[in-house]
Amino acid sequence: MRRALPCLTCCVAVLAMSAQPAARAQPAPEPAVQRTVSEDDHVRIEELRVRGQTQRVVVRSKTPGVAPYEILTTEGGRDLSQDKRGNGRRVWHILSF
């Protein structure tokens, strides 16, 4: 009888754990998105940040006839010393759909 009691205790514990509802997988929370607009007399700068990383910077001139341009930013997870692309360069979009 002494051996049966610990075994019975284990069985009761297993049954109690299996009776609890399974934890539902919750979807990942939405990333923190921040839009910042800086403006002075000559330009308007729009910045988009996702999870603290700058994704897009657009500079719009208030001078009539001057096209807005985008400043290329680095992508997260890249080694900047190995990246030979034009980070920080200005890019004008010619065609947009």
Protein backbone atom coordinates (compact mmCIF):
# COMPACT_ATOMS: atom_id res chain seq x y z
CA MET A 1 0.00 0.00 0.00
CA ARG A 2 2.85 2.39 0.66
CA ARG A 3 4.00 2.24 -2.97
CA ALA A 4 0.54 2.75 -4.41
CA LEU A 5 0.03 6.11 -2.69
CA PRO A 6 2.86 8.04 -4.48
CA CYS A 7 1.80 6.54 -7.82
CA LEU A 8 -1.80 7.58 -7.19
CA THR A 9 -0.62 11.11 -6.33
CA CYS A 10 1.26 11.37 -9.65
CA CYS A 11 -1.77 10.20 -11.62
CA VAL A 12 -4.00 12.77 -9.95
CA ALA A 13 -1.47 15.53 -10.73
CA VAL A 14 -1.28 14.51 -14.40
CA LEU A 15 -5.07 14.43 -14.70
CA ALA A 16 -5.35 17.86 -13.09
CA MET A 17 -2.84 19.37 -15.54
CA SER A 18 -4.57 17.81 -18.55
CA ALA A 19 -7.95 19.15 -17.40
CA GLN A 20 -6.72 22.75 -17.72
CA PRO A 21 -7.55 24.40 -21.05
CA ALA A 22 -4.64 24.62 -23.45
CA ALA A 23 -3.05 28.04 -23.68
CA ARG A 24 -4.06 29.71 -26.93
CA ALA A 25 -1.30 31.11 -29.06
CA GLN A 26 -1.71 34.86 -29.13
CA PRO A 27 -0.70 36.72 -32.27
CA ALA A 28 2.37 38.90 -32.08
CA PRO A 29 1.60 42.52 -31.22
CA GLU A 30 1.60 45.09 -33.98
CA PRO A 31 4.94 46.86 -34.46
CA ALA A 32 5.30 50.35 -33.07
CA VAL A 33 4.94 52.76 -36.02
CA GLN A 34 5.88 56.40 -35.62
CA ARG A 35 5.42 59.15 -38.22
CA THR A 36 7.30 62.38 -37.61
CA VAL A 37 6.94 65.60 -39.58
CA SER A 38 9.48 68.42 -39.23
CA GLU A 39 8.79 71.64 -41.03
CA ASP A 40 10.34 75.08 -41.51
CA ASP A 41 9.89 77.91 -44.01
CA HIS A 42 11.58 76.04 -46.88
CA VAL A 43 11.13 72.26 -46.47
CA ARG A 44 8.92 69.60 -44.92
CA ILE A 45 10.63 66.39 -43.75
CA GLU A 46 8.49 63.28 -43.24
CA GLU A 47 10.05 60.33 -41.40
CA LEU A 48 8.61 56.84 -40.92
CA ARG A 49 9.96 54.64 -38.11
CA VAL A 50 8.96 51.04 -37.46
CA ARG A 51 10.17 49.44 -34.19
CA GLY A 52 12.54 52.37 -33.73
CA GLN A 53 14.26 51.84 -37.10
CA THR A 54 13.98 54.60 -39.71
CA GLN A 55 12.33 53.12 -42.79
CA ARG A 56 11.72 56.16 -44.95
CA VAL A 57 12.66 59.85 -45.07
CA VAL A 58 10.99 62.13 -47.63
CA VAL A 59 11.99 65.77 -48.10
CA ARG A 60 9.41 68.04 -49.75
CA SER A 61 10.45 71.54 -50.75
CA LYS A 62 7.96 74.36 -50.37
CA THR A 63 9.44 76.08 -53.40
CA PRO A 64 7.05 75.67 -56.35
CA GLY A 65 8.28 73.34 -59.07
CA VAL A 66 10.83 71.46 -56.92
CA ALA A 67 10.21 67.71 -56.79
CA PRO A 68 10.26 65.88 -53.46
CA TYR A 69 13.05 63.38 -52.88
CA GLU A 70 13.69 60.42 -50.60
CA ILE A 71 16.83 59.80 -48.54
CA LEU A 72 17.91 56.16 -48.59
CA THR A 73 18.24 54.60 -45.14
CA THR A 74 20.01 51.49 -43.95
CA GLU A 75 18.03 48.32 -43.47
CA GLY A 76 18.19 46.63 -40.08
CA GLY A 77 20.53 43.67 -39.73
CA ARG A 78 23.05 44.87 -42.29
CA ASP A 79 26.71 45.39 -41.64
CA LEU A 80 27.21 48.99 -42.67
CA SER A 81 30.93 48.54 -43.29
CA GLN A 82 30.17 45.90 -45.95
CA ASP A 83 27.22 47.73 -47.51
CA LYS A 84 28.41 49.60 -50.60
CA ARG A 85 24.99 50.98 -51.54
CA GLY A 86 24.19 54.65 -51.39
CA ASN A 87 22.90 55.04 -47.85
CA GLY A 88 22.16 58.66 -47.14
CA ARG A 89 21.94 59.56 -50.83
CA ARG A 90 19.03 61.42 -52.32
CA VAL A 91 16.71 59.62 -54.72
CA TRP A 92 14.10 61.22 -56.94
CA HIS A 93 11.19 59.07 -58.07
CA ILE A 94 10.62 59.68 -61.76
CA LEU A 95 7.60 57.44 -62.41
CA SER A 96 5.02 56.47 -59.85
CA PHE A 97 2.07 54.18 -60.37
